[in-house]
């Protein structure tokens, strides 16, 4: 083994020297660029990670705001629905009361109309009775009545009344 080692020691040193030179050249030329690229990549990843965390935080904030607005909107809708129900109930009560008042007014007008018609009929009846009585009294005063004359007088008064009522109606 010594022999192998002694025969190849020159090759070994040349290989080690070449390797060291290669590493030095690599360090001189490539490692700085590779490290710079790695550092830039790390910075980019870190920046993107911060941006994504900021976007996530903002999204959570927006979501919580939207949820709060939704709860507010739901509360507002419930409030408006309650007000609408209350107003509808008030309108129903007003309309019912208005209908009741109108019905009562129509009933009172009808009763007044009936009473007026009744009074008019009574006045007309009294006037006609008075006219008949006046006709009978005129005839009685002008003539002395016996039984037949009395019946004739009443018949002629009724006929006169019927003919005057026929002309007036």
C-alpha atoms as a PDB file:
ATOM      1  CA  UNK A   1       0.000   0.000   0.000  1.00  0.00           C
ATOM      2  CA  UNK A   2       2.871   2.301   0.609  1.00  0.00           C
ATOM      3  CA  UNK A   3       3.931   1.743  -2.863  1.00  0.00           C
ATOM      4  CA  UNK A   4       0.521   2.740  -4.178  1.00  0.00           C
ATOM      5  CA  UNK A   5       0.590   5.788  -2.055  1.00  0.00           C
ATOM      6  CA  UNK A   6       4.091   6.823  -3.005  1.00  0.00           C
ATOM      7  CA  UNK A   7       3.425   6.259  -6.732  1.00  0.00           C
ATOM      8  CA  UNK A   8       0.292   8.279  -6.730  1.00  0.00           C
ATOM      9  CA  UNK A   9       1.231  11.001  -4.286  1.00  0.00           C
ATOM     10  CA  UNK A  10       2.061  13.354  -7.099  1.00  0.00           C
ATOM     11  CA  UNK A  11      -1.307  12.709  -8.691  1.00  0.00           C
ATOM     12  CA  UNK A  12      -2.919  13.102  -5.351  1.00  0.00           C
ATOM     13  CA  UNK A  13      -1.279  16.503  -4.791  1.00  0.00           C
ATOM     14  CA  UNK A  14      -2.146  17.621  -8.267  1.00  0.00           C
ATOM     15  CA  UNK A  15      -5.734  16.505  -7.729  1.00  0.00           C
ATOM     16  CA  UNK A  16      -5.927  18.248  -4.352  1.00  0.00           C
ATOM     17  CA  UNK A  17      -4.304  21.382  -5.834  1.00  0.00           C
ATOM     18  CA  UNK A  18      -6.713  21.334  -8.773  1.00  0.00           C
ATOM     19  CA  UNK A  19      -9.606  20.861  -6.403  1.00  0.00           C
ATOM     20  CA  UNK A  20      -8.428  23.742  -4.176  1.00  0.00           C
ATOM     21  CA  UNK A  21      -7.914  25.966  -7.231  1.00  0.00           C
ATOM     22  CA  UNK A  22     -11.356  24.964  -8.504  1.00  0.00           C
ATOM     23  CA  UNK A  23     -12.868  25.764  -5.082  1.00  0.00           C
ATOM     24  CA  UNK A  24     -10.989  29.087  -4.924  1.00  0.00           C
ATOM     25  CA  UNK A  25     -12.142  30.011  -8.435  1.00  0.00           C
ATOM     26  CA  UNK A  26     -15.625  28.882  -7.577  1.00  0.00           C
ATOM     27  CA  UNK A  27     -15.527  30.922  -4.375  1.00  0.00           C
ATOM     28  CA  UNK A  28     -14.061  33.894  -6.165  1.00  0.00           C
ATOM     29  CA  UNK A  29     -16.438  33.822  -9.118  1.00  0.00           C
ATOM     30  CA  UNK A  30     -19.543  31.808  -8.300  1.00  0.00           C
ATOM     31  CA  UNK A  31     -20.174  31.631  -4.576  1.00  0.00           C
ATOM     32  CA  UNK A  32     -20.739  35.339  -4.183  1.00  0.00           C
ATOM     33  CA  UNK A  33     -23.229  35.322  -7.042  1.00  0.00           C
ATOM     34  CA  UNK A  34     -24.849  32.144  -5.769  1.00  0.00           C
ATOM     35  CA  UNK A  35     -25.022  33.578  -2.239  1.00  0.00           C
ATOM     36  CA  UNK A  36     -26.355  36.839  -3.628  1.00  0.00           C
ATOM     37  CA  UNK A  37     -28.978  34.929  -5.627  1.00  0.00           C
ATOM     38  CA  UNK A  38     -29.880  32.853  -2.543  1.00  0.00           C
ATOM     39  CA  UNK A  39     -30.044  35.997  -0.407  1.00  0.00           C
ATOM     40  CA  UNK A  40     -32.188  37.744  -3.030  1.00  0.00           C
ATOM     41  CA  UNK A  41     -34.461  34.722  -3.201  1.00  0.00           C
ATOM     42  CA  UNK A  42     -34.733  34.633   0.601  1.00  0.00           C
ATOM     43  CA  UNK A  43     -35.565  38.348   0.630  1.00  0.00           C
ATOM     44  CA  UNK A  44     -38.152  37.865  -2.118  1.00  0.00           C
ATOM     45  CA  UNK A  45     -39.732  34.951  -0.267  1.00  0.00           C
ATOM     46  CA  UNK A  46     -39.683  36.920   2.996  1.00  0.00           C
ATOM     47  CA  UNK A  47     -41.254  39.957   1.253  1.00  0.00           C
ATOM     48  CA  UNK A  48     -43.911  37.811  -0.425  1.00  0.00           C
ATOM     49  CA  UNK A  49     -44.583  36.096   2.885  1.00  0.00           C
ATOM     50  CA  UNK A  50     -45.038  39.492   4.586  1.00  0.00           C
ATOM     51  CA  UNK A  51     -47.259  40.659   1.722  1.00  0.00           C
ATOM     52  CA  UNK A  52     -49.378  37.515   1.930  1.00  0.00           C
ATOM     53  CA  UNK A  53     -49.626  37.889   5.719  1.00  0.00           C
ATOM     54  CA  UNK A  54     -50.644  41.540   5.243  1.00  0.00           C
ATOM     55  CA  UNK A  55     -53.199  40.498   2.600  1.00  0.00           C
ATOM     56  CA  UNK A  56     -54.483  37.757   4.905  1.00  0.00           C
ATOM     57  CA  UNK A  57     -54.766  40.226   7.792  1.00  0.00           C
ATOM     58  CA  UNK A  58     -56.518  42.731   5.540  1.00  0.00           C
ATOM     59  CA  UNK A  59     -58.853  40.014   4.263  1.00  0.00           C
ATOM     60  CA  UNK A  60     -59.695  39.024   7.844  1.00  0.00           C
ATOM     61  CA  UNK A  61     -60.335  42.660   8.683  1.00  0.00           C
ATOM     62  CA  UNK A  62     -62.548  43.136   5.610  1.00  0.00           C
ATOM     63  CA  UNK A  63     -64.389  39.924   6.430  1.00  0.00           C
ATOM     64  CA  UNK A  64     -65.025  41.055  10.000  1.00  0.00           C
ATOM     65  CA  UNK A  65     -66.235  44.431   8.702  1.00  0.00           C
ATOM     66  CA  UNK A  66     -68.549  42.708   6.225  1.00  0.00           C
ATOM     67  CA  UNK A  67     -69.884  40.429   8.928  1.00  0.00           C
ATOM     68  CA  UNK A  68     -70.489  43.448  11.160  1.00  0.00           C
ATOM     69  CA  UNK A  69     -72.244  45.237   8.296  1.00  0.00           C
ATOM     70  CA  UNK A  70     -74.321  42.134   7.599  1.00  0.00           C
ATOM     71  CA  UNK A  71     -75.353  41.954  11.245  1.00  0.00           C
ATOM     72  CA  UNK A  72     -76.175  45.665  11.127  1.00  0.00           C
ATOM     73  CA  UNK A  73     -78.133  45.207   7.902  1.00  0.00           C
ATOM     74  CA  UNK A  74     -80.008  42.241   9.372  1.00  0.00           C
ATOM     75  CA  UNK A  75     -80.833  44.297  12.460  1.00  0.00           C
ATOM     76  CA  UNK A  76     -81.962  47.193  10.246  1.00  0.00           C
ATOM     77  CA  UNK A  77     -84.090  44.842   8.144  1.00  0.00           C
ATOM     78  CA  UNK A  78     -85.665  43.398  11.273  1.00  0.00           C
ATOM     79  CA  UNK A  79     -86.320  46.927  12.548  1.00  0.00           C
ATOM     80  CA  UNK A  80     -87.862  48.000   9.216  1.00  0.00           C
ATOM     81  CA  UNK A  81     -89.996  44.855   9.090  1.00  0.00           C
ATOM     82  CA  UNK A  82     -91.225  45.573  12.629  1.00  0.00           C
ATOM     83  CA  UNK A  83     -92.041  49.151  11.691  1.00  0.00           C
ATOM     84  CA  UNK A  84     -93.822  47.986   8.541  1.00  0.00           C
ATOM     85  CA  UNK A  85     -95.896  45.505  10.551  1.00  0.00           C
ATOM     86  CA  UNK A  86     -96.724  48.172  13.132  1.00  0.00           C
ATOM     87  CA  UNK A  87     -97.674  50.689  10.430  1.00  0.00           C
ATOM     88  CA  UNK A  88     -99.784  48.073   8.658  1.00  0.00           C
ATOM     89  CA  UNK A  89    -101.580  47.295  11.909  1.00  0.00           C
ATOM     90  CA  UNK A  90    -102.117  51.011  12.578  1.00  0.00           C
ATOM     91  CA  UNK A  91    -103.419  51.453   9.013  1.00  0.00           C
ATOM     92  CA  UNK A  92    -105.759  48.508   9.498  1.00  0.00           C
ATOM     93  CA  UNK A  93    -107.073  50.007  12.751  1.00  0.00           C
ATOM     94  CA  UNK A  94    -107.465  53.454  11.115  1.00  0.00           C
ATOM     95  CA  UNK A  95    -109.290  51.967   8.120  1.00  0.00           C
ATOM     96  CA  UNK A  96    -111.544  49.900  10.380  1.00  0.00           C
ATOM     97  CA  UNK A  97    -112.327  52.954  12.496  1.00  0.00           C
ATOM     98  CA  UNK A  98    -112.899  55.072   9.387  1.00  0.00           C
ATOM     99  CA  UNK A  99    -115.254  52.410   7.997  1.00  0.00           C
ATOM    100  CA  UNK A 100    -117.099  52.259  11.298  1.00  0.00           C
ATOM    101  CA  UNK A 101    -117.442  56.057  11.353  1.00  0.00           C
ATOM    102  CA  UNK A 102    -118.680  56.102   7.740  1.00  0.00           C
ATOM    103  CA  UNK A 103    -121.192  53.340   8.451  1.00  0.00           C
ATOM    104  CA  UNK A 104    -122.407  55.205  11.547  1.00  0.00           C
ATOM    105  CA  UNK A 105    -122.707  58.426   9.525  1.00  0.00           C
ATOM    106  CA  UNK A 106    -124.659  56.624   6.769  1.00  0.00           C
ATOM    107  CA  UNK A 107    -126.905  55.040   9.400  1.00  0.00           C
ATOM    108  CA  UNK A 108    -127.527  58.441  11.020  1.00  0.00           C
ATOM    109  CA  UNK A 109    -128.254  60.018   7.602  1.00  0.00           C
ATOM    110  CA  UNK A 110    -130.694  57.205   6.823  1.00  0.00           C
ATOM    111  CA  UNK A 111    -132.403  57.665  10.196  1.00  0.00           C
ATOM    112  CA  UNK A 112    -132.622  61.431   9.599  1.00  0.00           C
ATOM    113  CA  UNK A 113    -134.015  60.813   6.104  1.00  0.00           C
ATOM    114  CA  UNK A 114    -136.579  58.397   7.501  1.00  0.00           C
ATOM    115  CA  UNK A 115    -137.539  60.846  10.242  1.00  0.00           C
ATOM    116  CA  UNK A 116    -137.793  63.669   7.693  1.00  0.00           C
ATOM    117  CA  UNK A 117    -139.953  61.550   5.405  1.00  0.00           C
ATOM    118  CA  UNK A 118    -142.134  60.548   8.371  1.00  0.00           C
ATOM    119  CA  UNK A 119    -142.528  64.172   9.466  1.00  0.00           C
ATOM    120  CA  UNK A 120    -143.269  65.231   5.887  1.00  0.00           C
ATOM    121  CA  UNK A 121    -145.882  62.486   5.606  1.00  0.00           C
ATOM    122  CA  UNK A 122    -147.436  63.552   8.917  1.00  0.00           C
ATOM    123  CA  UNK A 123    -147.515  67.193   7.884  1.00  0.00           C
ATOM    124  CA  UNK A 124    -149.015  66.260   4.519  1.00  0.00           C
ATOM    125  CA  UNK A 125    -151.561  63.987   6.197  1.00  0.00           C
ATOM    126  CA  UNK A 126    -152.539  66.680   8.716  1.00  0.00           C
ATOM    127  CA  UNK A 127    -152.851  69.278   5.982  1.00  0.00           C
ATOM    128  CA  UNK A 128    -155.051  66.979   3.923  1.00  0.00           C
ATOM    129  CA  UNK A 129    -157.168  66.104   6.953  1.00  0.00           C
ATOM    130  CA  UNK A 130    -157.508  69.796   7.679  1.00  0.00           C
ATOM    131  CA  UNK A 131    -158.532  70.462   4.074  1.00  0.00           C
ATOM    132  CA  UNK A 132    -161.102  67.671   4.225  1.00  0.00           C
ATOM    133  CA  UNK A 133    -162.376  68.946   7.557  1.00  0.00           C
ATOM    134  CA  UNK A 134    -162.585  72.452   6.141  1.00  0.00           C
ATOM    135  CA  UNK A 135    -164.513  71.193   3.114  1.00  0.00           C
ATOM    136  CA  UNK A 136    -166.878  69.249   5.343  1.00  0.00           C
ATOM    137  CA  UNK A 137    -167.332  72.227   7.657  1.00  0.00           C
ATOM    138  CA  UNK A 138    -168.071  74.524   4.723  1.00  0.00           C
ATOM    139  CA  UNK A 139    -170.712  72.152   3.455  1.00  0.00           C
ATOM    140  CA  UNK A 140    -172.152  71.702   6.940  1.00  0.00           C
ATOM    141  CA  UNK A 141    -172.367  75.407   7.504  1.00  0.00           C
ATOM    142  CA  UNK A 142    -174.038  76.014   4.160  1.00  0.00           C
ATOM    143  CA  UNK A 143    -176.552  73.226   4.486  1.00  0.00           C
ATOM    144  CA  UNK A 144    -178.484  71.707   7.300  1.00  0.00           C
ATOM    145  CA  UNK A 145    -177.733  68.052   7.343  1.00  0.00           C
ATOM    146  CA  UNK A 146    -179.947  65.059   7.653  1.00  0.00           C
ATOM    147  CA  UNK A 147    -178.636  61.449   7.499  1.00  0.00           C
ATOM    148  CA  UNK A 148    -178.728  61.110   3.730  1.00  0.00           C
ATOM    149  CA  UNK A 149    -177.368  64.578   3.251  1.00  0.00           C
ATOM    150  CA  UNK A 150    -174.558  63.815   5.732  1.00  0.00           C
ATOM    151  CA  UNK A 151    -173.469  60.723   3.777  1.00  0.00           C
ATOM    152  CA  UNK A 152    -173.634  62.561   0.522  1.00  0.00           C
ATOM    153  CA  UNK A 153    -171.557  65.370   1.991  1.00  0.00           C
ATOM    154  CA  UNK A 154    -168.830  62.986   3.269  1.00  0.00           C
ATOM    155  CA  UNK A 155    -168.754  61.147  -0.070  1.00  0.00           C
ATOM    156  CA  UNK A 156    -168.421  64.379  -2.009  1.00  0.00           C
ATOM    157  CA  UNK A 157    -165.622  65.546   0.386  1.00  0.00           C
ATOM    158  CA  UNK A 158    -163.737  62.280  -0.085  1.00  0.00           C
ATOM    159  CA  UNK A 159    -164.178  62.522  -3.846  1.00  0.00           C
ATOM    160  CA  UNK A 160    -162.942  66.108  -3.768  1.00  0.00           C
ATOM    161  CA  UNK A 161    -159.953  65.062  -1.710  1.00  0.00           C
ATOM    162  CA  UNK A 162    -159.134  62.163  -4.038  1.00  0.00           C
ATOM    163  CA  UNK A 163    -159.394  64.391  -7.109  1.00  0.00           C
ATOM    164  CA  UNK A 164    -157.167  67.071  -5.467  1.00  0.00           C
ATOM    165  CA  UNK A 165    -154.666  64.382  -4.351  1.00  0.00           C
ATOM    166  CA  UNK A 166    -154.639  62.976  -7.890  1.00  0.00           C
ATOM    167  CA  UNK A 167    -153.851  66.413  -9.328  1.00  0.00           C
ATOM    168  CA  UNK A 168    -151.125  67.104  -6.707  1.00  0.00           C
ATOM    169  CA  UNK A 169    -149.445  63.672  -7.064  1.00  0.00           C
END
